[in-house]
Amino acid sequence: MNKTSNDAFPAPVVLFVYNRPTHTRQTVEALSRNFLASDTVLHIYSDAARSALDAQKVAEVRSYIKQIVGFKFVTITERNQNIGLARSIIEGVTKVCNLAGHCIVIEDDLHTSQFFLTYMNEALTFYQNEPKVMHISGCRYPVKPFGSEDTFFLYIPLCWGWATWKRAWDTFEKDISIMERFSDKMIRRFDFEYSHGFFNQLALNKSGQLNTWFIFWYANIFLRGGLSLFPSISLVNNIGFDNSGVHCSTTSVYDSELCNRRVVISKVDIVESSLGYDSHVNYFISMRVGFWSRFKYYIKKPVKILYSLLSHV
């Protein structure tokens, strides 16, 4: 990987791919239509096949990414053995943050608005010296509209198109002992008034039934009193909820209309939005209806499939 200058602008993008050639192509083509794409360095991490069944698709993905154009330059890291998404993201984000001081992260199933990179870079610049702001989310849950500002803060991050700084990422640890630092009151807040089973994801990681990274990032931000910036209109739509992903079943509950204008980054109070929090509680509660209607179908499925009904990564 070539060395980039510290705090480079535009921020480098880190793309993680595996065995979905069609999704990868759609993700890259959408990203290449962004206004800052031609000035952006794209770092791609390709995990090795987990099994012989995945080998052909992984080969197709690797053939495609070698042909990508439309960016300042592209670097590719091909793993020789399968290390899994969690480790791949942790190692890739760490390396690029160490090189550039910050980075933008996407996976191979995200359709971005042409204003995505503009928003990300402007937010990274605007909040670079605000230690409480630890994460920039390009996507937002499809909650009902609230407030009048273009952006708002929550404790929870969202990993479908996101960015961070080295100063924030350096605090990250994938350490299950983090669970011991939660009181009952904190768990209630962490789980949005028990409307969503986020804390249970830590328990599933502890038992070995899951191996994910995002829930540790959320817990780290939450326990440090950090905040994540969100756009009022989503700049990312996840196209991977078609049963093709590692932790994703088929669902439309996360579908969002893409923002078709520039999101204005302006001074807002650096505190969690109470309206935003309440709106997300209501949204997570509304998802339960869909969960129970599908429960009988998924109850006989492996735990990772059932887990996808409870979570988003």
C-alpha atoms as a PDB file:
ATOM      1  CA  MET A   1       0.000   0.000   0.000  1.00  0.00           C
ATOM      2  CA  ASN A   2       1.377   3.393  -0.902  1.00  0.00           C
ATOM      3  CA  LYS A   3       1.898   5.912   1.870  1.00  0.00           C
ATOM      4  CA  THR A   4      -0.400   8.930   1.796  1.00  0.00           C
ATOM      5  CA  SER A   5       0.133  12.239   3.528  1.00  0.00           C
ATOM      6  CA  ASN A   6      -1.186  12.689   7.072  1.00  0.00           C
ATOM      7  CA  ASP A   7      -4.701  14.160   7.150  1.00  0.00           C
ATOM      8  CA  ALA A   8      -4.861  13.909   3.361  1.00  0.00           C
ATOM      9  CA  PHE A   9      -7.759  15.604   1.586  1.00  0.00           C
ATOM     10  CA  PRO A  10      -9.913  14.134   0.254  1.00  0.00           C
ATOM     11  CA  ALA A  11      -9.795  11.362   2.847  1.00  0.00           C
ATOM     12  CA  PRO A  12      -8.890   7.919   1.498  1.00  0.00           C
ATOM     13  CA  VAL A  13     -11.690   5.395   1.114  1.00  0.00           C
ATOM     14  CA  VAL A  14     -11.256   1.836   2.387  1.00  0.00           C
ATOM     15  CA  LEU A  15     -13.442  -0.742   0.623  1.00  0.00           C
ATOM     16  CA  PHE A  16     -13.863  -4.288   1.952  1.00  0.00           C
ATOM     17  CA  VAL A  17     -14.908  -6.954  -0.550  1.00  0.00           C
ATOM     18  CA  TYR A  18     -15.430 -10.687  -0.490  1.00  0.00           C
ATOM     19  CA  ASN A  19     -17.581 -12.872  -2.735  1.00  0.00           C
ATOM     20  CA  ARG A  20     -20.300 -10.665  -4.205  1.00  0.00           C
ATOM     21  CA  PRO A  21     -19.198  -9.477  -7.679  1.00  0.00           C
ATOM     22  CA  THR A  22     -22.539  -7.897  -8.621  1.00  0.00           C
ATOM     23  CA  HIS A  23     -22.857  -5.978  -5.361  1.00  0.00           C
ATOM     24  CA  THR A  24     -19.213  -4.919  -5.540  1.00  0.00           C
ATOM     25  CA  ARG A  25     -19.649  -3.540  -9.041  1.00  0.00           C
ATOM     26  CA  GLN A  26     -22.764  -1.585  -8.053  1.00  0.00           C
ATOM     27  CA  THR A  27     -20.984  -0.216  -4.973  1.00  0.00           C
ATOM     28  CA  VAL A  28     -17.925   0.922  -6.924  1.00  0.00           C
ATOM     29  CA  GLU A  29     -19.921   2.389  -9.805  1.00  0.00           C
ATOM     30  CA  ALA A  30     -22.031   4.468  -7.408  1.00  0.00           C
ATOM     31  CA  LEU A  31     -18.942   5.615  -5.523  1.00  0.00           C
ATOM     32  CA  SER A  32     -17.191   6.562  -8.764  1.00  0.00           C
ATOM     33  CA  ARG A  33     -20.063   8.936  -9.580  1.00  0.00           C
ATOM     34  CA  ASN A  34     -19.328  10.958  -6.444  1.00  0.00           C
ATOM     35  CA  PHE A  35     -18.077  14.490  -7.039  1.00  0.00           C
ATOM     36  CA  LEU A  36     -14.745  13.893  -5.250  1.00  0.00           C
ATOM     37  CA  ALA A  37     -14.120  10.399  -6.615  1.00  0.00           C
ATOM     38  CA  SER A  38     -11.419  11.364  -9.125  1.00  0.00           C
ATOM     39  CA  ASP A  39      -9.388  13.005  -6.347  1.00  0.00           C
ATOM     40  CA  THR A  40      -9.840  10.125  -3.890  1.00  0.00           C
ATOM     41  CA  VAL A  41      -7.447   7.259  -3.157  1.00  0.00           C
ATOM     42  CA  LEU A  42      -9.290   3.937  -2.951  1.00  0.00           C
ATOM     43  CA  HIS A  43      -7.788   1.151  -0.814  1.00  0.00           C
ATOM     44  CA  ILE A  44      -9.433  -2.237  -1.406  1.00  0.00           C
ATOM     45  CA  TYR A  45      -9.141  -5.230   0.932  1.00  0.00           C
ATOM     46  CA  SER A  46     -10.159  -8.567  -0.554  1.00  0.00           C
ATOM     47  CA  ASP A  47     -10.554 -11.461   1.872  1.00  0.00           C
ATOM     48  CA  ALA A  48      -9.654 -14.968   0.712  1.00  0.00           C
ATOM     49  CA  ALA A  49     -12.299 -17.610   0.141  1.00  0.00           C
ATOM     50  CA  ARG A  50     -13.588 -19.352   3.263  1.00  0.00           C
ATOM     51  CA  SER A  51     -14.391 -22.502   1.292  1.00  0.00           C
ATOM     52  CA  ALA A  52     -14.206 -23.976  -2.192  1.00  0.00           C
ATOM     53  CA  LEU A  53     -17.792 -22.872  -2.724  1.00  0.00           C
ATOM     54  CA  ASP A  54     -16.742 -19.221  -2.362  1.00  0.00           C
ATOM     55  CA  ALA A  55     -13.559 -19.451  -4.429  1.00  0.00           C
ATOM     56  CA  GLN A  56     -15.121 -18.747  -7.827  1.00  0.00           C
ATOM     57  CA  LYS A  57     -16.997 -15.670  -6.617  1.00  0.00           C
ATOM     58  CA  VAL A  58     -13.909 -14.357  -4.825  1.00  0.00           C
ATOM     59  CA  ALA A  59     -11.951 -14.798  -8.068  1.00  0.00           C
ATOM     60  CA  GLU A  60     -14.622 -12.859  -9.971  1.00  0.00           C
ATOM     61  CA  VAL A  61     -14.460 -10.022  -7.456  1.00  0.00           C
ATOM     62  CA  ARG A  62     -10.667  -9.905  -7.653  1.00  0.00           C
ATOM     63  CA  SER A  63     -10.751  -9.829 -11.439  1.00  0.00           C
ATOM     64  CA  TYR A  64     -13.185  -6.907 -11.372  1.00  0.00           C
ATOM     65  CA  ILE A  65     -11.374  -4.761  -8.782  1.00  0.00           C
ATOM     66  CA  LYS A  66      -8.184  -4.889 -10.864  1.00  0.00           C
ATOM     67  CA  GLN A  67     -10.061  -3.019 -13.613  1.00  0.00           C
ATOM     68  CA  ILE A  68     -11.473  -0.181 -11.478  1.00  0.00           C
ATOM     69  CA  VAL A  69     -10.933   3.347 -12.786  1.00  0.00           C
ATOM     70  CA  GLY A  70     -12.322   6.765 -11.851  1.00  0.00           C
ATOM     71  CA  PHE A  71     -10.293   7.345  -8.678  1.00  0.00           C
ATOM     72  CA  LYS A  72      -6.972   9.096  -8.027  1.00  0.00           C
ATOM     73  CA  PHE A  73      -5.378   5.694  -7.681  1.00  0.00           C
ATOM     74  CA  VAL A  74      -6.374   2.266  -6.364  1.00  0.00           C
ATOM     75  CA  THR A  75      -4.419  -0.064  -4.080  1.00  0.00           C
ATOM     76  CA  ILE A  76      -5.451  -3.682  -3.561  1.00  0.00           C
ATOM     77  CA  THR A  77      -4.626  -5.989  -0.662  1.00  0.00           C
ATOM     78  CA  GLU A  78      -5.532  -9.617  -1.361  1.00  0.00           C
ATOM     79  CA  ARG A  79      -5.541 -11.891   1.673  1.00  0.00           C
ATOM     80  CA  ASN A  80      -3.924 -15.295   1.187  1.00  0.00           C
ATOM     81  CA  GLN A  81      -6.181 -16.864   3.795  1.00  0.00           C
ATOM     82  CA  ASN A  82      -9.642 -16.033   5.044  1.00  0.00           C
ATOM     83  CA  ILE A  83      -9.514 -13.821   8.137  1.00  0.00           C
ATOM     84  CA  GLY A  84     -13.187 -12.829   8.303  1.00  0.00           C
ATOM     85  CA  LEU A  85     -14.879  -9.466   8.022  1.00  0.00           C
ATOM     86  CA  ALA A  86     -14.284  -8.318  11.595  1.00  0.00           C
ATOM     87  CA  ARG A  87     -10.517  -8.779  11.523  1.00  0.00           C
ATOM     88  CA  SER A  88     -10.285  -7.470   7.967  1.00  0.00           C
ATOM     89  CA  ILE A  89     -12.032  -4.227   8.887  1.00  0.00           C
ATOM     90  CA  ILE A  90     -10.093  -3.735  12.107  1.00  0.00           C
ATOM     91  CA  GLU A  91      -6.728  -4.270  10.435  1.00  0.00           C
ATOM     92  CA  GLY A  92      -7.571  -2.295   7.287  1.00  0.00           C
ATOM     93  CA  VAL A  93      -9.009   0.723   9.077  1.00  0.00           C
ATOM     94  CA  THR A  94      -6.089   0.733  11.510  1.00  0.00           C
ATOM     95  CA  LYS A  95      -3.520   0.705   8.704  1.00  0.00           C
ATOM     96  CA  VAL A  96      -5.127   3.444   6.633  1.00  0.00           C
ATOM     97  CA  CYS A  97      -5.830   5.649   9.669  1.00  0.00           C
ATOM     98  CA  ASN A  98      -2.181   5.306  10.649  1.00  0.00           C
ATOM     99  CA  LEU A  99      -1.145   6.358   7.147  1.00  0.00           C
ATOM    100  CA  ALA A 100      -3.602   9.171   6.502  1.00  0.00           C
ATOM    101  CA  GLY A 101      -4.895  10.316   9.898  1.00  0.00           C
ATOM    102  CA  HIS A 102      -8.480   9.492   8.955  1.00  0.00           C
ATOM    103  CA  CYS A 103     -10.445   7.373   6.485  1.00  0.00           C
ATOM    104  CA  ILE A 104     -13.853   6.677   4.988  1.00  0.00           C
ATOM    105  CA  VAL A 105     -15.046   3.070   5.148  1.00  0.00           C
ATOM    106  CA  ILE A 106     -17.482   1.187   2.934  1.00  0.00           C
ATOM    107  CA  GLU A 107     -18.331  -2.445   2.328  1.00  0.00           C
ATOM    108  CA  ASP A 108     -19.281  -4.193  -0.889  1.00  0.00           C
ATOM    109  CA  ASP A 109     -23.055  -3.758  -0.614  1.00  0.00           C
ATOM    110  CA  LEU A 110     -23.567  -0.004  -0.314  1.00  0.00           C
ATOM    111  CA  HIS A 111     -25.127   2.305  -2.883  1.00  0.00           C
ATOM    112  CA  THR A 112     -23.929   5.838  -2.158  1.00  0.00           C
ATOM    113  CA  SER A 113     -25.357   9.183  -3.166  1.00  0.00           C
ATOM    114  CA  GLN A 114     -23.127  11.307  -5.388  1.00  0.00           C
ATOM    115  CA  PHE A 115     -22.884  13.696  -2.413  1.00  0.00           C
ATOM    116  CA  PHE A 116     -21.575  11.000  -0.039  1.00  0.00           C
ATOM    117  CA  LEU A 117     -17.863  11.812  -0.317  1.00  0.00           C
ATOM    118  CA  THR A 118     -18.548  15.542  -0.100  1.00  0.00           C
ATOM    119  CA  TYR A 119     -20.453  15.105   3.151  1.00  0.00           C
ATOM    120  CA  MET A 120     -17.865  12.768   4.612  1.00  0.00           C
ATOM    121  CA  ASN A 121     -14.915  15.003   3.847  1.00  0.00           C
ATOM    122  CA  GLU A 122     -16.631  18.181   5.025  1.00  0.00           C
ATOM    123  CA  ALA A 123     -17.674  16.490   8.278  1.00  0.00           C
ATOM    124  CA  LEU A 124     -14.187  15.051   8.844  1.00  0.00           C
ATOM    125  CA  THR A 125     -12.709  18.535   8.443  1.00  0.00           C
ATOM    126  CA  PHE A 126     -15.376  20.330  10.484  1.00  0.00           C
ATOM    127  CA  TYR A 127     -15.114  18.011  13.517  1.00  0.00           C
ATOM    128  CA  GLN A 128     -11.472  16.951  13.326  1.00  0.00           C
ATOM    129  CA  ASN A 129     -10.591  18.818  16.537  1.00  0.00           C
ATOM    130  CA  GLU A 130     -13.731  17.855  18.476  1.00  0.00           C
ATOM    131  CA  PRO A 131     -12.674  14.839  20.593  1.00  0.00           C
ATOM    132  CA  LYS A 132     -16.252  14.024  21.567  1.00  0.00           C
ATOM    133  CA  VAL A 133     -17.151  13.416  17.907  1.00  0.00           C
ATOM    134  CA  MET A 134     -15.728   9.983  17.123  1.00  0.00           C
ATOM    135  CA  HIS A 135     -17.684   8.720  14.113  1.00  0.00           C
ATOM    136  CA  ILE A 136     -19.331  10.095  10.961  1.00  0.00           C
ATOM    137  CA  SER A 137     -22.251   8.050   9.629  1.00  0.00           C
ATOM    138  CA  GLY A 138     -23.218   8.424   5.984  1.00  0.00           C
ATOM    139  CA  CYS A 139     -26.319   6.301   6.424  1.00  0.00           C
ATOM    140  CA  ARG A 140     -29.198   6.775   8.823  1.00  0.00           C
ATOM    141  CA  TYR A 141     -31.965   4.462   9.909  1.00  0.00           C
ATOM    142  CA  PRO A 142     -35.232   5.153   8.047  1.00  0.00           C
ATOM    143  CA  VAL A 143     -36.849   6.833  11.049  1.00  0.00           C
ATOM    144  CA  LYS A 144     -39.574   9.390  10.586  1.00  0.00           C
ATOM    145  CA  PRO A 145     -38.257  12.918   9.889  1.00  0.00           C
ATOM    146  CA  PHE A 146     -37.566  15.109  12.897  1.00  0.00           C
ATOM    147  CA  GLY A 147     -35.886  18.451  13.547  1.00  0.00           C
ATOM    148  CA  SER A 148     -34.870  21.145  11.082  1.00  0.00           C
ATOM    149  CA  GLU A 149     -31.097  20.689  10.887  1.00  0.00           C
ATOM    150  CA  ASP A 150     -29.236  18.769   8.202  1.00  0.00           C
ATOM    151  CA  THR A 151     -27.293  16.786  10.824  1.00  0.00           C
ATOM    152  CA  PHE A 152     -27.743  15.419  14.349  1.00  0.00           C
ATOM    153  CA  PHE A 153     -25.824  13.376  16.908  1.00  0.00           C
ATOM    154  CA  LEU A 154     -26.435  10.004  18.548  1.00  0.00           C
ATOM    155  CA  TYR A 155     -24.220   7.842  20.735  1.00  0.00           C
ATOM    156  CA  ILE A 156     -24.691   4.895  18.390  1.00  0.00           C
ATOM    157  CA  PRO A 157     -22.706   4.823  15.155  1.00  0.00           C
ATOM    158  CA  LEU A 158     -23.879   3.168  11.936  1.00  0.00           C
ATOM    159  CA  CYS A 159     -21.390   1.263   9.814  1.00  0.00           C
ATOM    160  CA  TRP A 160     -22.960   1.470   6.356  1.00  0.00           C
ATOM    161  CA  GLY A 161     -20.617   4.061   4.932  1.00  0.00           C
ATOM    162  CA  TRP A 162     -18.764   5.747   7.776  1.00  0.00           C
ATOM    163  CA  ALA A 163     -15.625   7.652   8.664  1.00  0.00           C
ATOM    164  CA  THR A 164     -13.389   8.268  11.624  1.00  0.00           C
ATOM    165  CA  TRP A 165     -10.080   9.779  12.679  1.00  0.00           C
ATOM    166  CA  LYS A 166      -6.964   8.084  13.986  1.00  0.00           C
ATOM    167  CA  ARG A 167      -7.490   9.910  17.308  1.00  0.00           C
ATOM    168  CA  ALA A 168     -10.816   8.108  17.745  1.00  0.00           C
ATOM    169  CA  TRP A 169      -9.918   4.747  16.213  1.00  0.00           C
ATOM    170  CA  ASP A 170      -6.848   4.446  18.435  1.00  0.00           C
ATOM    171  CA  THR A 171      -9.246   3.988  21.375  1.00  0.00           C
ATOM    172  CA  PHE A 172     -10.904   0.925  19.810  1.00  0.00           C
ATOM    173  CA  GLU A 173     -10.457  -2.497  21.392  1.00  0.00           C
ATOM    174  CA  LYS A 174     -12.265  -5.722  20.584  1.00  0.00           C
ATOM    175  CA  ASP A 175     -12.284  -6.791  24.233  1.00  0.00           C
ATOM    176  CA  ILE A 176     -15.237  -8.707  25.635  1.00  0.00           C
ATOM    177  CA  SER A 177     -14.452  -7.491  29.158  1.00  0.00           C
ATOM    178  CA  ILE A 178     -16.012  -4.219  28.071  1.00  0.00           C
ATOM    179  CA  MET A 179     -19.362  -5.780  29.097  1.00  0.00           C
ATOM    180  CA  GLU A 180     -18.368  -5.509  32.762  1.00  0.00           C
ATOM    181  CA  ARG A 181     -18.390  -1.715  32.545  1.00  0.00           C
ATOM    182  CA  PHE A 182     -22.139  -1.531  31.826  1.00  0.00           C
ATOM    183  CA  SER A 183     -24.667  -0.917  34.590  1.00  0.00           C
ATOM    184  CA  ASP A 184     -28.323  -1.882  34.139  1.00  0.00           C
ATOM    185  CA  LYS A 185     -29.152   1.764  33.481  1.00  0.00           C
ATOM    186  CA  MET A 186     -26.450   1.975  30.821  1.00  0.00           C
ATOM    187  CA  ILE A 187     -27.678  -1.199  29.113  1.00  0.00           C
ATOM    188  CA  ARG A 188     -31.169   0.274  28.902  1.00  0.00           C
ATOM    189  CA  ARG A 189     -29.800   3.375  27.183  1.00  0.00           C
ATOM    190  CA  PHE A 190     -27.446   1.315  24.993  1.00  0.00           C
ATOM    191  CA  ASP A 191     -30.432  -0.760  23.855  1.00  0.00           C
ATOM    192  CA  PHE A 192     -32.646   2.286  23.226  1.00  0.00           C
ATOM    193  CA  GLU A 193     -35.016   1.579  26.106  1.00  0.00           C
ATOM    194  CA  TYR A 194     -34.678  -2.153  25.433  1.00  0.00           C
ATOM    195  CA  SER A 195     -36.186  -1.690  21.976  1.00  0.00           C
ATOM    196  CA  HIS A 196     -33.218  -3.352  20.229  1.00  0.00           C
ATOM    197  CA  GLY A 197     -30.850  -6.089  21.387  1.00  0.00           C
ATOM    198  CA  PHE A 198     -27.508  -4.370  20.948  1.00  0.00           C
ATOM    199  CA  PHE A 199     -26.053  -5.478  24.287  1.00  0.00           C
ATOM    200  CA  ASN A 200     -26.963  -9.068  23.464  1.00  0.00           C
ATOM    201  CA  GLN A 201     -24.571  -8.864  20.532  1.00  0.00           C
ATOM    202  CA  LEU A 202     -21.737  -8.550  23.038  1.00  0.00           C
ATOM    203  CA  ALA A 203     -23.027 -11.671  24.798  1.00  0.00           C
ATOM    204  CA  LEU A 204     -23.148 -13.561  21.489  1.00  0.00           C
ATOM    205  CA  ASN A 205     -19.556 -12.544  20.779  1.00  0.00           C
ATOM    206  CA  LYS A 206     -18.554 -13.689  24.263  1.00  0.00           C
ATOM    207  CA  SER A 207     -20.126 -17.110  23.711  1.00  0.00           C
ATOM    208  CA  GLY A 208     -18.456 -17.464  20.313  1.00  0.00           C
ATOM    209  CA  GLN A 209     -21.727 -17.560  18.398  1.00  0.00           C
ATOM    210  CA  LEU A 210     -20.730 -14.332  16.660  1.00  0.00           C
ATOM    211  CA  ASN A 211     -17.463 -12.705  15.675  1.00  0.00           C
ATOM    212  CA  THR A 212     -18.256  -9.076  14.837  1.00  0.00           C
ATOM    213  CA  TRP A 213     -16.505  -5.744  15.288  1.00  0.00           C
ATOM    214  CA  PHE A 214     -19.201  -3.060  15.138  1.00  0.00           C
ATOM    215  CA  ILE A 215     -20.779  -3.725  18.526  1.00  0.00           C
ATOM    216  CA  PHE A 216     -17.397  -3.179  20.197  1.00  0.00           C
ATOM    217  CA  TRP A 217     -16.979   0.106  18.335  1.00  0.00           C
ATOM    218  CA  TYR A 218     -20.441   1.190  19.488  1.00  0.00           C
ATOM    219  CA  ALA A 219     -19.681   0.154  23.078  1.00  0.00           C
ATOM    220  CA  ASN A 220     -16.371   1.994  22.998  1.00  0.00           C
ATOM    221  CA  ILE A 221     -17.975   5.217  21.768  1.00  0.00           C
ATOM    222  CA  PHE A 222     -20.864   4.881  24.218  1.00  0.00           C
ATOM    223  CA  LEU A 223     -18.681   4.281  27.277  1.00  0.00           C
ATOM    224  CA  ARG A 224     -16.407   7.205  26.401  1.00  0.00           C
ATOM    225  CA  GLY A 225     -19.341   9.579  25.951  1.00  0.00           C
ATOM    226  CA  GLY A 226     -18.483   9.918  22.284  1.00  0.00           C
ATOM    227  CA  LEU A 227     -20.919  10.867  19.557  1.00  0.00           C
ATOM    228  CA  SER A 228     -21.687   9.954  15.964  1.00  0.00           C
ATOM    229  CA  LEU A 229     -22.807  12.502  13.395  1.00  0.00           C
ATOM    230  CA  PHE A 230     -25.749  11.572  11.163  1.00  0.00           C
ATOM    231  CA  PRO A 231     -27.265  13.249   8.096  1.00  0.00           C
ATOM    232  CA  SER A 232     -30.954  14.086   8.232  1.00  0.00           C
ATOM    233  CA  ILE A 233     -31.368  12.292   4.892  1.00  0.00           C
ATOM    234  CA  SER A 234     -29.421   9.109   4.197  1.00  0.00           C
ATOM    235  CA  LEU A 235     -26.497   9.247   1.776  1.00  0.00           C
ATOM    236  CA  VAL A 236     -26.208   5.450   1.686  1.00  0.00           C
ATOM    237  CA  ASN A 237     -28.595   2.620   0.970  1.00  0.00           C
ATOM    238  CA  ASN A 238     -27.648  -0.937   1.922  1.00  0.00           C
ATOM    239  CA  ILE A 239     -28.312  -3.224  -1.056  1.00  0.00           C
ATOM    240  CA  GLY A 240     -27.069  -6.330   0.730  1.00  0.00           C
ATOM    241  CA  PHE A 241     -30.223  -7.397   2.536  1.00  0.00           C
ATOM    242  CA  ASP A 242     -30.942 -10.083  -0.056  1.00  0.00           C
ATOM    243  CA  ASN A 243     -29.493 -13.015   1.914  1.00  0.00           C
ATOM    244  CA  SER A 244     -26.122 -12.589   0.178  1.00  0.00           C
ATOM    245  CA  GLY A 245     -24.162 -11.156   3.105  1.00  0.00           C
ATOM    246  CA  VAL A 246     -22.380 -12.644   6.099  1.00  0.00           C
ATOM    247  CA  HIS A 247     -24.907 -11.367   8.664  1.00  0.00           C
ATOM    248  CA  CYS A 248     -27.786 -10.209   6.455  1.00  0.00           C
ATOM    249  CA  SER A 249     -31.059 -11.928   5.652  1.00  0.00           C
ATOM    250  CA  THR A 250     -33.695 -10.694   3.235  1.00  0.00           C
ATOM    251  CA  THR A 251     -35.511  -7.613   4.496  1.00  0.00           C
ATOM    252  CA  SER A 252     -36.543  -4.132   3.398  1.00  0.00           C
ATOM    253  CA  VAL A 253     -36.817  -2.531   6.856  1.00  0.00           C
ATOM    254  CA  TYR A 254     -33.591  -0.586   6.343  1.00  0.00           C
ATOM    255  CA  ASP A 255     -34.367   0.757   2.858  1.00  0.00           C
ATOM    256  CA  SER A 256     -33.728   4.491   2.568  1.00  0.00           C
ATOM    257  CA  GLU A 257     -34.266   7.097  -0.112  1.00  0.00           C
ATOM    258  CA  LEU A 258     -30.906   8.519  -1.126  1.00  0.00           C
ATOM    259  CA  CYS A 259     -30.212  12.194  -0.569  1.00  0.00           C
ATOM    260  CA  ASN A 260     -29.952  14.037  -3.892  1.00  0.00           C
ATOM    261  CA  ARG A 261     -28.463  17.272  -2.570  1.00  0.00           C
ATOM    262  CA  ARG A 262     -25.478  18.450  -0.559  1.00  0.00           C
ATOM    263  CA  VAL A 263     -25.870  17.976   3.185  1.00  0.00           C
ATOM    264  CA  VAL A 264     -24.900  21.175   4.960  1.00  0.00           C
ATOM    265  CA  ILE A 265     -22.366  20.695   7.732  1.00  0.00           C
ATOM    266  CA  SER A 266     -23.006  23.495  10.214  1.00  0.00           C
ATOM    267  CA  LYS A 267     -22.645  24.078  13.941  1.00  0.00           C
ATOM    268  CA  VAL A 268     -25.138  22.076  15.957  1.00  0.00           C
ATOM    269  CA  ASP A 269     -25.025  21.273  19.654  1.00  0.00           C
ATOM    270  CA  ILE A 270     -22.550  18.453  20.265  1.00  0.00           C
ATOM    271  CA  VAL A 271     -24.973  16.425  22.359  1.00  0.00           C
ATOM    272  CA  GLU A 272     -27.171  13.457  21.603  1.00  0.00           C
ATOM    273  CA  SER A 273     -30.402  14.576  19.956  1.00  0.00           C
ATOM    274  CA  SER A 274     -33.308  13.788  22.271  1.00  0.00           C
ATOM    275  CA  LEU A 275     -35.674  13.853  19.299  1.00  0.00           C
ATOM    276  CA  GLY A 276     -33.333  11.551  17.427  1.00  0.00           C
ATOM    277  CA  TYR A 277     -33.111   9.129  20.333  1.00  0.00           C
ATOM    278  CA  ASP A 278     -36.884   8.961  20.799  1.00  0.00           C
ATOM    279  CA  SER A 279     -37.438   8.552  17.063  1.00  0.00           C
ATOM    280  CA  HIS A 280     -35.055   5.615  16.981  1.00  0.00           C
ATOM    281  CA  VAL A 281     -36.760   3.981  19.964  1.00  0.00           C
ATOM    282  CA  ASN A 282     -40.056   4.166  18.076  1.00  0.00           C
ATOM    283  CA  TYR A 283     -38.407   2.832  14.914  1.00  0.00           C
ATOM    284  CA  PHE A 284     -36.851  -0.154  16.675  1.00  0.00           C
ATOM    285  CA  ILE A 285     -40.171  -0.939  18.359  1.00  0.00           C
ATOM    286  CA  SER A 286     -41.922  -0.853  14.978  1.00  0.00           C
ATOM    287  CA  MET A 287     -39.391  -3.368  13.646  1.00  0.00           C
ATOM    288  CA  ARG A 288     -40.527  -5.912  16.225  1.00  0.00           C
ATOM    289  CA  VAL A 289     -43.786  -6.478  14.353  1.00  0.00           C
ATOM    290  CA  GLY A 290     -41.782  -7.580  11.341  1.00  0.00           C
ATOM    291  CA  PHE A 291     -39.512  -9.681  13.538  1.00  0.00           C
ATOM    292  CA  TRP A 292     -42.291 -11.729  15.117  1.00  0.00           C
ATOM    293  CA  SER A 293     -44.048 -12.214  11.791  1.00  0.00           C
ATOM    294  CA  ARG A 294     -40.860 -13.841  10.436  1.00  0.00           C
ATOM    295  CA  PHE A 295     -39.802 -15.607  13.629  1.00  0.00           C
ATOM    296  CA  LYS A 296     -41.400 -18.981  12.808  1.00  0.00           C
ATOM    297  CA  TYR A 297     -39.479 -19.091   9.533  1.00  0.00           C
ATOM    298  CA  TYR A 298     -36.100 -18.232  11.038  1.00  0.00           C
ATOM    299  CA  ILE A 299     -36.343 -20.176  14.285  1.00  0.00           C
ATOM    300  CA  LYS A 300     -34.956 -23.298  12.590  1.00  0.00           C
ATOM    301  CA  LYS A 301     -32.166 -21.384  10.865  1.00  0.00           C
ATOM    302  CA  PRO A 302     -28.561 -21.107  12.099  1.00  0.00           C
ATOM    303  CA  VAL A 303     -27.921 -18.549  14.827  1.00  0.00           C
ATOM    304  CA  LYS A 304     -26.246 -16.098  12.427  1.00  0.00           C
ATOM    305  CA  ILE A 305     -29.419 -15.921  10.347  1.00  0.00           C
ATOM    306  CA  LEU A 306     -31.627 -15.415  13.389  1.00  0.00           C
ATOM    307  CA  TYR A 307     -29.166 -12.790  14.638  1.00  0.00           C
ATOM    308  CA  SER A 308     -29.658 -10.752  11.464  1.00  0.00           C
ATOM    309  CA  LEU A 309     -33.224 -10.117  12.561  1.00  0.00           C
ATOM    310  CA  LEU A 310     -31.922  -8.599  15.783  1.00  0.00           C
ATOM    311  CA  SER A 311     -29.102  -6.513  14.409  1.00  0.00           C
ATOM    312  CA  HIS A 312     -27.631  -4.741  11.413  1.00  0.00           C
ATOM    313  CA  VAL A 313     -24.038  -6.038  11.356  1.00  0.00           C
END
